[in-house]
Amino acid sequence: MTKRGSNDRKAKARSIAREHGVRVTEAHSRLLRAKNRSEPAPSVTEDEHAGRHVPHELRIHRTVGGGLTEVLDAEAAAHAVWWDRTGSLTAGCRCGWVNPHLGPSFPTVPAGRGPDTREQTHWRWYHLAAWAEHAADAEEEPPLAEYVQDPSISINNLTREVICELRLLLHHAQDDRETVATDYAAVEAVLRTMRIRNAHTRAQGSGGITPVGPPDHRVTASRGMPASLEVLLRRTDSGHGGGRGELLAVELAAAELRRLVLHEPELATVASSPTVLES
């Protein structure tokens, strides 16, 4: 990929970040996905001119025949993420960084040549998330824990950040399966409790008394839960401000990630679940 092409996409990512209220690396990941899934990229006004070198570009290391490693950059790297079915990928960066974590193994749940299962989609997004985490740190973007505190961030974008952070727990999917699976189960339980409590609150009315008890926003897990999750729970507390679909989306994502870690098949009931978010 040419330097000009790389700079052009970086400028687009900055514009998307401003328009949609997301971090630059998240916008960059969306662009890479859109380009390599035959989907139109988000429309932006290119009011920034290219001209600066981009040291942090997605790079994928893929094992090929004979144990050799193929290195793919930018669009070629993103294309490999979204179409490779060998599971032999490792996320990296043009600056030389290579993801030190094994991450999850490629899911063996029913796939064939048809559409990806939800577990496979999470596996693919994990590689972009791992690179985006590195790039955000390297480019000194505001810490996510600080970014998600901004009240102007939409519930939808906040939910995307929660799911992205949940995917990063997959760093330890192979070296500590039980702990990671337990972490996801804890997230499911907290979200399920919050949804039930909010449903009771709505049913009882604003002056009603809910029998479920006060919410507990704390999620106890050995590796710590995403800061964005606590913010999402706080903003959707009581259920009167919306967020029902988003809470369910995160709960289902945690269940899908747990199955990815445990190599369990996709449940038939998940097929009808809401598709609020993919990233």
C-alpha atoms as a PDB file:
ATOM      1  CA  MET A   1       0.000   0.000   0.000  1.00  0.00           C
ATOM      2  CA  THR A   2       1.309   3.493  -0.820  1.00  0.00           C
ATOM      3  CA  LYS A   3       2.040   6.037   1.864  1.00  0.00           C
ATOM      4  CA  ARG A   4      -0.551   8.374   0.297  1.00  0.00           C
ATOM      5  CA  GLY A   5      -3.229   5.674   0.494  1.00  0.00           C
ATOM      6  CA  SER A   6      -2.372   5.009   4.111  1.00  0.00           C
ATOM      7  CA  ASN A   7      -2.523   8.711   4.943  1.00  0.00           C
ATOM      8  CA  ASP A   8      -5.831   9.136   3.121  1.00  0.00           C
ATOM      9  CA  ARG A   9      -7.441   6.401   5.195  1.00  0.00           C
ATOM     10  CA  LYS A  10      -5.997   7.883   8.381  1.00  0.00           C
ATOM     11  CA  ALA A  11      -7.609  11.213   7.491  1.00  0.00           C
ATOM     12  CA  LYS A  12     -10.924   9.444   6.879  1.00  0.00           C
ATOM     13  CA  ALA A  13     -10.596   7.713  10.227  1.00  0.00           C
ATOM     14  CA  ARG A  14     -10.139  11.041  11.995  1.00  0.00           C
ATOM     15  CA  SER A  15     -13.221  12.427  10.258  1.00  0.00           C
ATOM     16  CA  ILE A  16     -15.284   9.369  11.221  1.00  0.00           C
ATOM     17  CA  ALA A  17     -14.063   9.652  14.795  1.00  0.00           C
ATOM     18  CA  ARG A  18     -15.289  13.262  14.936  1.00  0.00           C
ATOM     19  CA  GLU A  19     -18.622  12.519  13.249  1.00  0.00           C
ATOM     20  CA  HIS A  20     -19.511   9.411  15.235  1.00  0.00           C
ATOM     21  CA  GLY A  21     -17.859  10.175  18.568  1.00  0.00           C
ATOM     22  CA  VAL A  22     -15.484   7.204  18.579  1.00  0.00           C
ATOM     23  CA  ARG A  23     -11.750   6.883  19.044  1.00  0.00           C
ATOM     24  CA  VAL A  24      -9.525   7.150  15.956  1.00  0.00           C
ATOM     25  CA  THR A  25      -8.330   3.554  16.132  1.00  0.00           C
ATOM     26  CA  GLU A  26     -11.935   2.322  16.389  1.00  0.00           C
ATOM     27  CA  ALA A  27     -12.829   4.390  13.300  1.00  0.00           C
ATOM     28  CA  HIS A  28      -9.769   2.981  11.516  1.00  0.00           C
ATOM     29  CA  SER A  29     -10.885  -0.567  12.330  1.00  0.00           C
ATOM     30  CA  ARG A  30     -14.350   0.139  10.930  1.00  0.00           C
ATOM     31  CA  LEU A  31     -12.828   1.416   7.688  1.00  0.00           C
ATOM     32  CA  LEU A  32     -10.679  -1.687   7.304  1.00  0.00           C
ATOM     33  CA  ARG A  33     -13.666  -3.948   7.907  1.00  0.00           C
ATOM     34  CA  ALA A  34     -15.906  -2.039   5.489  1.00  0.00           C
ATOM     35  CA  LYS A  35     -13.336  -2.156   2.706  1.00  0.00           C
ATOM     36  CA  ASN A  36     -12.733  -5.860   3.025  1.00  0.00           C
ATOM     37  CA  ARG A  37     -16.278  -7.106   3.534  1.00  0.00           C
ATOM     38  CA  SER A  38     -17.562  -5.505   0.316  1.00  0.00           C
ATOM     39  CA  GLU A  39     -19.509  -2.985   2.352  1.00  0.00           C
ATOM     40  CA  PRO A  40     -19.534   0.768   1.754  1.00  0.00           C
ATOM     41  CA  ALA A  41     -17.255   2.648   4.109  1.00  0.00           C
ATOM     42  CA  PRO A  42     -18.890   5.293   6.302  1.00  0.00           C
ATOM     43  CA  SER A  43     -19.275   8.538   4.392  1.00  0.00           C
ATOM     44  CA  VAL A  44     -16.981  11.336   5.518  1.00  0.00           C
ATOM     45  CA  THR A  45     -15.930  14.735   4.321  1.00  0.00           C
ATOM     46  CA  GLU A  46     -12.241  14.651   3.533  1.00  0.00           C
ATOM     47  CA  ASP A  47     -11.376  18.029   5.005  1.00  0.00           C
ATOM     48  CA  GLU A  48      -7.952  16.919   6.154  1.00  0.00           C
ATOM     49  CA  HIS A  49      -5.092  16.621   3.725  1.00  0.00           C
ATOM     50  CA  ALA A  50      -2.692  13.693   3.903  1.00  0.00           C
ATOM     51  CA  GLY A  51       0.936  14.363   4.547  1.00  0.00           C
ATOM     52  CA  ARG A  52       2.143  12.616   7.644  1.00  0.00           C
ATOM     53  CA  HIS A  53       3.747   9.224   7.860  1.00  0.00           C
ATOM     54  CA  VAL A  54       1.543   6.608   9.536  1.00  0.00           C
ATOM     55  CA  PRO A  55       3.786   4.351  11.641  1.00  0.00           C
ATOM     56  CA  HIS A  56       0.953   2.315  13.142  1.00  0.00           C
ATOM     57  CA  GLU A  57      -0.749   0.349  10.389  1.00  0.00           C
ATOM     58  CA  LEU A  58      -2.411  -3.042  10.700  1.00  0.00           C
ATOM     59  CA  ARG A  59      -0.071  -5.911   9.866  1.00  0.00           C
ATOM     60  CA  ILE A  60      -0.999  -9.586   9.863  1.00  0.00           C
ATOM     61  CA  HIS A  61       1.467 -12.454  10.182  1.00  0.00           C
ATOM     62  CA  ARG A  62       0.046 -15.580   8.541  1.00  0.00           C
ATOM     63  CA  THR A  63       1.614 -19.031   8.609  1.00  0.00           C
ATOM     64  CA  VAL A  64       1.800 -20.568   5.143  1.00  0.00           C
ATOM     65  CA  GLY A  65       3.173 -23.834   3.723  1.00  0.00           C
ATOM     66  CA  GLY A  66       6.429 -25.127   5.133  1.00  0.00           C
ATOM     67  CA  GLY A  67       6.049 -23.173   8.340  1.00  0.00           C
ATOM     68  CA  LEU A  68       6.950 -19.902   6.638  1.00  0.00           C
ATOM     69  CA  THR A  69       5.359 -16.654   7.772  1.00  0.00           C
ATOM     70  CA  GLU A  70       3.698 -14.307   5.299  1.00  0.00           C
ATOM     71  CA  VAL A  71       3.482 -10.637   6.279  1.00  0.00           C
ATOM     72  CA  LEU A  72       0.500  -8.623   5.041  1.00  0.00           C
ATOM     73  CA  ASP A  73      -0.088  -4.907   5.555  1.00  0.00           C
ATOM     74  CA  ALA A  74      -3.092  -2.569   5.616  1.00  0.00           C
ATOM     75  CA  GLU A  75      -5.937  -3.624   3.282  1.00  0.00           C
ATOM     76  CA  ALA A  76      -4.281  -6.957   2.465  1.00  0.00           C
ATOM     77  CA  ALA A  77      -3.997  -7.617   6.186  1.00  0.00           C
ATOM     78  CA  ALA A  78      -7.639  -6.743   6.836  1.00  0.00           C
ATOM     79  CA  HIS A  79      -8.726  -8.895   3.892  1.00  0.00           C
ATOM     80  CA  ALA A  80      -6.840 -11.831   5.387  1.00  0.00           C
ATOM     81  CA  VAL A  81      -8.569 -11.295   8.727  1.00  0.00           C
ATOM     82  CA  TRP A  82     -12.030 -11.378   7.198  1.00  0.00           C
ATOM     83  CA  TRP A  83     -11.546 -14.220   4.711  1.00  0.00           C
ATOM     84  CA  ASP A  84      -8.917 -16.537   6.184  1.00  0.00           C
ATOM     85  CA  ARG A  85     -10.315 -19.807   7.532  1.00  0.00           C
ATOM     86  CA  THR A  86      -7.046 -21.458   8.530  1.00  0.00           C
ATOM     87  CA  GLY A  87      -6.849 -19.770  11.918  1.00  0.00           C
ATOM     88  CA  SER A  88      -3.109 -19.205  11.471  1.00  0.00           C
ATOM     89  CA  LEU A  89      -3.149 -15.430  11.916  1.00  0.00           C
ATOM     90  CA  THR A  90      -1.349 -13.176  14.378  1.00  0.00           C
ATOM     91  CA  ALA A  91      -2.117  -9.460  14.672  1.00  0.00           C
ATOM     92  CA  GLY A  92       0.788  -7.076  14.309  1.00  0.00           C
ATOM     93  CA  CYS A  93       1.665  -3.515  13.366  1.00  0.00           C
ATOM     94  CA  ARG A  94       3.859  -1.851  10.756  1.00  0.00           C
ATOM     95  CA  CYS A  95       6.019  -0.465  13.575  1.00  0.00           C
ATOM     96  CA  GLY A  96       7.167  -4.015  14.378  1.00  0.00           C
ATOM     97  CA  TRP A  97       4.830  -4.862  17.245  1.00  0.00           C
ATOM     98  CA  VAL A  98       3.443  -8.405  17.207  1.00  0.00           C
ATOM     99  CA  ASN A  99       0.627  -9.480  19.512  1.00  0.00           C
ATOM    100  CA  PRO A 100       2.380 -11.412  22.318  1.00  0.00           C
ATOM    101  CA  HIS A 101      -0.819 -13.302  23.171  1.00  0.00           C
ATOM    102  CA  LEU A 102      -2.012 -16.469  21.488  1.00  0.00           C
ATOM    103  CA  GLY A 103      -5.570 -15.283  21.486  1.00  0.00           C
ATOM    104  CA  PRO A 104      -8.396 -17.722  20.718  1.00  0.00           C
ATOM    105  CA  SER A 105      -7.966 -20.640  18.361  1.00  0.00           C
ATOM    106  CA  PHE A 106     -10.091 -20.503  15.218  1.00  0.00           C
ATOM    107  CA  PRO A 107     -13.554 -21.769  16.213  1.00  0.00           C
ATOM    108  CA  THR A 108     -14.498 -25.195  14.903  1.00  0.00           C
ATOM    109  CA  VAL A 109     -18.214 -24.639  15.330  1.00  0.00           C
ATOM    110  CA  PRO A 110     -20.237 -25.301  12.129  1.00  0.00           C
ATOM    111  CA  ALA A 111     -18.823 -23.126   9.388  1.00  0.00           C
ATOM    112  CA  GLY A 112     -18.216 -24.868   6.070  1.00  0.00           C
ATOM    113  CA  ARG A 113     -18.119 -22.311   3.294  1.00  0.00           C
ATOM    114  CA  GLY A 114     -21.229 -20.470   4.398  1.00  0.00           C
ATOM    115  CA  PRO A 115     -21.605 -17.327   6.503  1.00  0.00           C
ATOM    116  CA  ASP A 116     -19.533 -16.923   9.630  1.00  0.00           C
ATOM    117  CA  THR A 117     -21.023 -17.968  12.927  1.00  0.00           C
ATOM    118  CA  ARG A 118     -21.071 -15.330  15.643  1.00  0.00           C
ATOM    119  CA  GLU A 119     -18.107 -17.013  17.327  1.00  0.00           C
ATOM    120  CA  GLN A 120     -16.080 -16.758  14.123  1.00  0.00           C
ATOM    121  CA  THR A 121     -16.998 -13.109  13.737  1.00  0.00           C
ATOM    122  CA  HIS A 122     -15.712 -12.415  17.265  1.00  0.00           C
ATOM    123  CA  TRP A 123     -12.508 -14.314  16.403  1.00  0.00           C
ATOM    124  CA  ARG A 124     -11.951 -12.044  13.404  1.00  0.00           C
ATOM    125  CA  TRP A 125     -12.736  -8.850  15.300  1.00  0.00           C
ATOM    126  CA  TYR A 126     -10.291  -9.908  18.017  1.00  0.00           C
ATOM    127  CA  HIS A 127      -7.354  -9.389  15.652  1.00  0.00           C
ATOM    128  CA  LEU A 128      -8.452  -5.850  14.796  1.00  0.00           C
ATOM    129  CA  ALA A 129      -9.143  -5.134  18.478  1.00  0.00           C
ATOM    130  CA  ALA A 130      -5.677  -6.330  19.517  1.00  0.00           C
ATOM    131  CA  TRP A 131      -4.030  -4.079  16.920  1.00  0.00           C
ATOM    132  CA  ALA A 132      -6.288  -1.118  17.798  1.00  0.00           C
ATOM    133  CA  GLU A 133      -5.380  -1.471  21.473  1.00  0.00           C
ATOM    134  CA  HIS A 134      -1.677  -1.305  20.603  1.00  0.00           C
ATOM    135  CA  ALA A 135      -2.131   1.590  18.156  1.00  0.00           C
ATOM    136  CA  ALA A 136      -4.184   3.623  20.624  1.00  0.00           C
ATOM    137  CA  ASP A 137      -1.495   3.247  23.282  1.00  0.00           C
ATOM    138  CA  ALA A 138       1.321   3.974  20.827  1.00  0.00           C
ATOM    139  CA  GLU A 139      -0.392   7.100  19.482  1.00  0.00           C
ATOM    140  CA  GLU A 140      -1.188   8.252  23.019  1.00  0.00           C
ATOM    141  CA  GLU A 141      -4.906   8.477  22.503  1.00  0.00           C
ATOM    142  CA  PRO A 142      -6.913   9.198  25.664  1.00  0.00           C
ATOM    143  CA  PRO A 143      -7.235   6.060  27.809  1.00  0.00           C
ATOM    144  CA  LEU A 144     -10.476   4.225  27.170  1.00  0.00           C
ATOM    145  CA  ALA A 145     -11.399   4.496  30.851  1.00  0.00           C
ATOM    146  CA  GLU A 146     -11.296   8.287  30.413  1.00  0.00           C
ATOM    147  CA  TYR A 147     -12.953   8.341  26.999  1.00  0.00           C
ATOM    148  CA  VAL A 148     -16.048   6.391  28.083  1.00  0.00           C
ATOM    149  CA  GLN A 149     -16.778   8.866  30.889  1.00  0.00           C
ATOM    150  CA  ASP A 150     -17.809  11.498  28.327  1.00  0.00           C
ATOM    151  CA  PRO A 151     -21.610  11.822  28.667  1.00  0.00           C
ATOM    152  CA  SER A 152     -21.916  12.901  25.021  1.00  0.00           C
ATOM    153  CA  ILE A 153     -20.956   9.401  23.831  1.00  0.00           C
ATOM    154  CA  SER A 154     -24.046   7.622  22.557  1.00  0.00           C
ATOM    155  CA  ILE A 155     -25.241   4.453  24.266  1.00  0.00           C
ATOM    156  CA  ASN A 156     -24.681   2.636  20.982  1.00  0.00           C
ATOM    157  CA  ASN A 157     -21.027   3.674  20.721  1.00  0.00           C
ATOM    158  CA  LEU A 158     -20.482   2.979  24.411  1.00  0.00           C
ATOM    159  CA  THR A 159     -21.849  -0.517  23.856  1.00  0.00           C
ATOM    160  CA  ARG A 160     -19.425  -1.023  20.978  1.00  0.00           C
ATOM    161  CA  GLU A 161     -16.568  -0.132  23.299  1.00  0.00           C
ATOM    162  CA  VAL A 162     -17.788  -2.606  25.917  1.00  0.00           C
ATOM    163  CA  ILE A 163     -17.895  -5.434  23.378  1.00  0.00           C
ATOM    164  CA  CYS A 164     -14.470  -4.443  22.042  1.00  0.00           C
ATOM    165  CA  GLU A 165     -13.036  -4.574  25.571  1.00  0.00           C
ATOM    166  CA  LEU A 166     -14.688  -7.932  26.197  1.00  0.00           C
ATOM    167  CA  ARG A 167     -12.996  -9.299  23.090  1.00  0.00           C
ATOM    168  CA  LEU A 168      -9.615  -8.268  24.464  1.00  0.00           C
ATOM    169  CA  LEU A 169     -10.081 -10.769  27.297  1.00  0.00           C
ATOM    170  CA  LEU A 170      -9.466 -13.298  24.511  1.00  0.00           C
ATOM    171  CA  HIS A 171      -5.752 -12.502  24.905  1.00  0.00           C
ATOM    172  CA  HIS A 172      -5.801 -15.295  27.503  1.00  0.00           C
ATOM    173  CA  ALA A 173      -8.295 -17.596  25.780  1.00  0.00           C
ATOM    174  CA  GLN A 174      -5.813 -20.442  25.301  1.00  0.00           C
ATOM    175  CA  ASP A 175      -3.557 -20.105  28.330  1.00  0.00           C
ATOM    176  CA  ASP A 176      -6.358 -19.741  30.900  1.00  0.00           C
ATOM    177  CA  ARG A 177      -9.604 -20.950  29.380  1.00  0.00           C
ATOM    178  CA  GLU A 178     -11.440 -21.551  32.643  1.00  0.00           C
ATOM    179  CA  THR A 179     -10.751 -18.089  34.049  1.00  0.00           C
ATOM    180  CA  VAL A 180     -11.702 -16.286  30.835  1.00  0.00           C
ATOM    181  CA  ALA A 181     -14.885 -18.328  30.486  1.00  0.00           C
ATOM    182  CA  THR A 182     -15.742 -17.517  34.123  1.00  0.00           C
ATOM    183  CA  ASP A 183     -15.198 -13.817  33.440  1.00  0.00           C
ATOM    184  CA  TYR A 184     -17.644 -13.906  30.537  1.00  0.00           C
ATOM    185  CA  ALA A 185     -20.167 -15.832  32.623  1.00  0.00           C
ATOM    186  CA  ALA A 186     -19.887 -13.127  35.319  1.00  0.00           C
ATOM    187  CA  VAL A 187     -20.661 -10.431  32.742  1.00  0.00           C
ATOM    188  CA  GLU A 188     -23.674 -12.397  31.520  1.00  0.00           C
ATOM    189  CA  ALA A 189     -24.974 -12.741  35.080  1.00  0.00           C
ATOM    190  CA  VAL A 190     -24.625  -9.036  35.910  1.00  0.00           C
ATOM    191  CA  LEU A 191     -26.327  -7.947  32.694  1.00  0.00           C
ATOM    192  CA  ARG A 192     -29.118 -10.464  33.134  1.00  0.00           C
ATOM    193  CA  THR A 193     -29.732  -9.185  36.666  1.00  0.00           C
ATOM    194  CA  MET A 194     -29.771  -5.585  35.453  1.00  0.00           C
ATOM    195  CA  ARG A 195     -32.222  -6.352  32.649  1.00  0.00           C
ATOM    196  CA  ILE A 196     -34.593  -8.135  35.041  1.00  0.00           C
ATOM    197  CA  ARG A 197     -34.364  -5.311  37.565  1.00  0.00           C
ATOM    198  CA  ASN A 198     -35.034  -2.685  34.886  1.00  0.00           C
ATOM    199  CA  ALA A 199     -38.002  -4.671  33.603  1.00  0.00           C
ATOM    200  CA  HIS A 200     -39.504  -4.725  37.114  1.00  0.00           C
ATOM    201  CA  THR A 201     -38.874  -0.991  37.474  1.00  0.00           C
ATOM    202  CA  ARG A 202     -40.700  -0.243  34.228  1.00  0.00           C
ATOM    203  CA  ALA A 203     -43.567  -2.550  35.196  1.00  0.00           C
ATOM    204  CA  GLN A 204     -43.934  -0.978  38.651  1.00  0.00           C
ATOM    205  CA  GLY A 205     -43.827   2.551  37.329  1.00  0.00           C
ATOM    206  CA  SER A 206     -41.535   5.368  38.339  1.00  0.00           C
ATOM    207  CA  GLY A 207     -42.859   5.318  41.908  1.00  0.00           C
ATOM    208  CA  GLY A 208     -42.990   1.562  42.235  1.00  0.00           C
ATOM    209  CA  ILE A 209     -40.788  -0.643  44.387  1.00  0.00           C
ATOM    210  CA  THR A 210     -38.782  -3.262  42.576  1.00  0.00           C
ATOM    211  CA  PRO A 211     -38.495  -6.648  44.285  1.00  0.00           C
ATOM    212  CA  VAL A 212     -35.153  -7.344  42.658  1.00  0.00           C
ATOM    213  CA  GLY A 213     -33.152  -5.032  44.898  1.00  0.00           C
ATOM    214  CA  PRO A 214     -30.547  -2.376  44.153  1.00  0.00           C
ATOM    215  CA  PRO A 215     -28.185  -2.938  41.224  1.00  0.00           C
ATOM    216  CA  ASP A 216     -24.615  -3.998  41.787  1.00  0.00           C
ATOM    217  CA  HIS A 217     -22.414  -2.423  39.108  1.00  0.00           C
ATOM    218  CA  ARG A 218     -19.332  -4.226  40.313  1.00  0.00           C
ATOM    219  CA  VAL A 219     -18.248  -7.281  38.381  1.00  0.00           C
ATOM    220  CA  THR A 220     -15.739  -9.431  40.232  1.00  0.00           C
ATOM    221  CA  ALA A 221     -13.329 -11.255  37.930  1.00  0.00           C
ATOM    222  CA  SER A 222      -9.698 -12.231  38.184  1.00  0.00           C
ATOM    223  CA  ARG A 223      -8.534 -10.078  35.282  1.00  0.00           C
ATOM    224  CA  GLY A 224     -10.847  -7.151  35.954  1.00  0.00           C
ATOM    225  CA  MET A 225     -13.830  -6.139  33.903  1.00  0.00           C
ATOM    226  CA  PRO A 226     -13.943  -3.374  31.290  1.00  0.00           C
ATOM    227  CA  ALA A 227     -14.274   0.147  32.657  1.00  0.00           C
ATOM    228  CA  SER A 228     -16.800   0.787  29.897  1.00  0.00           C
ATOM    229  CA  LEU A 229     -19.092  -1.936  31.274  1.00  0.00           C
ATOM    230  CA  GLU A 230     -19.573  -0.144  34.577  1.00  0.00           C
ATOM    231  CA  VAL A 231     -20.317   3.092  32.701  1.00  0.00           C
ATOM    232  CA  LEU A 232     -22.888   1.320  30.517  1.00  0.00           C
ATOM    233  CA  LEU A 233     -24.585  -0.198  33.570  1.00  0.00           C
ATOM    234  CA  ARG A 234     -24.687   3.175  35.294  1.00  0.00           C
ATOM    235  CA  ARG A 235     -26.157   4.953  32.284  1.00  0.00           C
ATOM    236  CA  THR A 236     -28.834   2.306  31.739  1.00  0.00           C
ATOM    237  CA  ASP A 237     -29.722   1.989  35.429  1.00  0.00           C
ATOM    238  CA  SER A 238     -33.521   2.090  36.061  1.00  0.00           C
ATOM    239  CA  GLY A 239     -34.317   1.270  32.453  1.00  0.00           C
ATOM    240  CA  HIS A 240     -36.183   4.540  31.852  1.00  0.00           C
ATOM    241  CA  GLY A 241     -33.427   5.982  29.665  1.00  0.00           C
ATOM    242  CA  GLY A 242     -33.389   3.189  27.134  1.00  0.00           C
ATOM    243  CA  GLY A 243     -30.512   0.794  26.606  1.00  0.00           C
ATOM    244  CA  ARG A 244     -32.529  -2.432  26.813  1.00  0.00           C
ATOM    245  CA  GLY A 245     -31.305  -3.637  23.422  1.00  0.00           C
ATOM    246  CA  GLU A 246     -27.736  -2.643  24.215  1.00  0.00           C
ATOM    247  CA  LEU A 247     -27.680  -4.516  27.518  1.00  0.00           C
ATOM    248  CA  LEU A 248     -28.990  -7.611  25.774  1.00  0.00           C
ATOM    249  CA  ALA A 249     -26.441  -7.203  22.958  1.00  0.00           C
ATOM    250  CA  VAL A 250     -23.549  -7.166  25.454  1.00  0.00           C
ATOM    251  CA  GLU A 251     -24.996 -10.107  27.381  1.00  0.00           C
ATOM    252  CA  LEU A 252     -25.269 -12.157  24.195  1.00  0.00           C
ATOM    253  CA  ALA A 253     -21.776 -11.106  23.080  1.00  0.00           C
ATOM    254  CA  ALA A 254     -20.376 -12.323  26.406  1.00  0.00           C
ATOM    255  CA  ALA A 255     -22.175 -15.647  25.892  1.00  0.00           C
ATOM    256  CA  GLU A 256     -20.782 -15.954  22.365  1.00  0.00           C
ATOM    257  CA  LEU A 257     -17.269 -15.161  23.563  1.00  0.00           C
ATOM    258  CA  ARG A 258     -17.595 -17.722  26.347  1.00  0.00           C
ATOM    259  CA  ARG A 259     -18.573 -20.372  23.787  1.00  0.00           C
ATOM    260  CA  LEU A 260     -15.635 -19.335  21.606  1.00  0.00           C
ATOM    261  CA  VAL A 261     -13.265 -19.922  24.528  1.00  0.00           C
ATOM    262  CA  LEU A 262     -14.846 -23.253  25.442  1.00  0.00           C
ATOM    263  CA  HIS A 263     -15.292 -24.391  21.818  1.00  0.00           C
ATOM    264  CA  GLU A 264     -18.981 -24.964  22.382  1.00  0.00           C
ATOM    265  CA  PRO A 265     -21.448 -24.942  19.466  1.00  0.00           C
ATOM    266  CA  GLU A 266     -23.678 -21.965  18.801  1.00  0.00           C
ATOM    267  CA  LEU A 267     -27.085 -22.204  20.415  1.00  0.00           C
ATOM    268  CA  ALA A 268     -30.074 -22.331  18.083  1.00  0.00           C
ATOM    269  CA  THR A 269     -31.835 -19.621  20.085  1.00  0.00           C
ATOM    270  CA  VAL A 270     -29.064 -17.136  19.385  1.00  0.00           C
ATOM    271  CA  ALA A 271     -30.004 -17.026  15.716  1.00  0.00           C
ATOM    272  CA  SER A 272     -32.929 -14.760  16.527  1.00  0.00           C
ATOM    273  CA  SER A 273     -30.985 -12.468  18.851  1.00  0.00           C
ATOM    274  CA  PRO A 274     -30.751  -8.728  18.140  1.00  0.00           C
ATOM    275  CA  THR A 275     -27.907  -7.584  15.917  1.00  0.00           C
ATOM    276  CA  VAL A 276     -27.495  -4.134  17.431  1.00  0.00           C
ATOM    277  CA  LEU A 277     -23.730  -4.190  17.058  1.00  0.00           C
ATOM    278  CA  GLU A 278     -21.057  -6.061  15.212  1.00  0.00           C
ATOM    279  CA  SER A 279     -18.028  -4.170  16.428  1.00  0.00           C
END
